[in-house]
Amino acid sequence: MNIILKPKHQKFIQSQVESGSFADADQAIELAFQLLNDYLEWVKDTRQKIDVAIIEMDNNEGLDGETFVNEIISKVASNY
């Protein structure tokens, strides 16, 4: 598969290689795909967590916002 990058993307990758951030363009693109894959997995996991939370809220099993925030404040305060 051959891919043609937009000029702005070519310039960005080239500047990253020239700055020493990457050994070559392939290394930069490989990391970009890895990060994209990680992001897509995060989105999938987050959507699943939201679906579970919606079901919990519908069943009156979740926490209301005020209770949740107060619990976080208590946890943070106990660490100091």
Protein backbone atom coordinates (compact mmCIF):
# COMPACT_ATOMS: atom_id res chain seq x y z
CA MET A 1 0.00 0.00 0.00
CA ASN A 2 1.28 3.41 -0.90
CA ILE A 3 0.08 6.42 1.03
CA ILE A 4 0.55 10.03 0.01
CA LEU A 5 0.84 12.38 2.96
CA LYS A 6 -0.38 15.94 2.89
CA PRO A 7 2.48 18.46 2.67
CA LYS A 8 1.82 19.70 6.22
CA HIS A 9 2.19 16.14 7.54
CA GLN A 10 5.35 15.58 5.52
CA LYS A 11 6.84 18.79 6.95
CA PHE A 12 5.89 17.79 10.48
CA ILE A 13 7.47 14.36 10.20
CA GLN A 14 10.58 15.78 8.56
CA SER A 15 10.96 18.38 11.31
CA GLN A 16 10.66 15.66 13.95
CA VAL A 17 13.37 13.61 12.24
CA GLU A 18 15.62 16.65 11.83
CA SER A 19 15.19 17.59 15.50
CA GLY A 20 16.38 14.13 16.50
CA SER A 21 13.06 12.98 17.95
CA PHE A 22 13.06 10.05 15.52
CA ALA A 23 15.73 8.23 13.56
CA ASP A 24 13.63 8.30 10.40
CA ALA A 25 10.13 8.86 9.08
CA ASP A 26 9.20 5.20 9.49
CA GLN A 27 9.90 5.38 13.21
CA ALA A 28 7.71 8.48 13.57
CA ILE A 29 4.85 6.92 11.63
CA GLU A 30 5.13 3.65 13.57
CA LEU A 31 4.72 5.55 16.84
CA ALA A 32 1.79 7.51 15.40
CA PHE A 33 -0.01 4.28 14.54
CA GLN A 34 0.75 2.82 17.96
CA LEU A 35 -0.67 5.91 19.64
CA LEU A 36 -3.73 5.84 17.38
CA ASN A 37 -4.32 2.20 18.28
CA ASP A 38 -3.94 3.00 22.00
CA TYR A 39 -6.41 5.87 21.62
CA LEU A 40 -8.97 3.70 19.82
CA GLU A 41 -8.70 1.07 22.56
CA TRP A 42 -9.18 3.78 25.19
CA VAL A 43 -12.30 5.04 23.39
CA LYS A 44 -13.70 1.50 23.22
CA ASP A 45 -13.00 0.87 26.92
CA THR A 46 -14.43 4.24 27.93
CA ARG A 47 -17.61 3.67 25.94
CA GLN A 48 -18.06 0.31 27.67
CA LYS A 49 -17.59 1.93 31.08
CA ILE A 50 -20.13 4.60 30.20
CA ASP A 51 -22.63 1.94 29.10
CA VAL A 52 -22.18 0.14 32.43
CA ALA A 53 -22.56 3.41 34.34
CA ILE A 54 -25.77 4.26 32.49
CA ILE A 55 -27.23 0.86 33.39
CA GLU A 56 -26.16 1.34 37.02
CA MET A 57 -27.75 4.77 37.14
CA ASP A 58 -30.97 3.41 35.59
CA ASN A 59 -31.02 0.78 38.35
CA ASN A 60 -30.28 3.39 41.05
CA GLU A 61 -26.92 1.70 41.72
CA GLY A 62 -24.61 4.59 40.86
CA LEU A 63 -23.42 7.58 42.85
CA ASP A 64 -24.82 11.04 42.34
CA GLY A 65 -22.32 13.73 41.38
CA GLU A 66 -22.16 15.38 44.80
CA THR A 67 -21.43 12.10 46.58
CA PHE A 68 -18.78 11.21 44.03
CA VAL A 69 -17.01 14.56 44.36
CA ASN A 70 -17.15 14.42 48.16
CA GLU A 71 -15.57 10.95 48.14
CA ILE A 72 -12.73 12.18 45.93
CA ILE A 73 -12.17 15.21 48.16
CA SER A 74 -12.03 12.93 51.20
CA LYS A 75 -9.52 10.61 49.50
CA VAL A 76 -7.30 13.51 48.48
CA ALA A 77 -7.51 15.11 51.92
CA SER A 78 -6.55 11.83 53.62
CA ASN A 79 -3.37 11.66 51.52
CA TYR A 80 -2.07 14.96 52.97
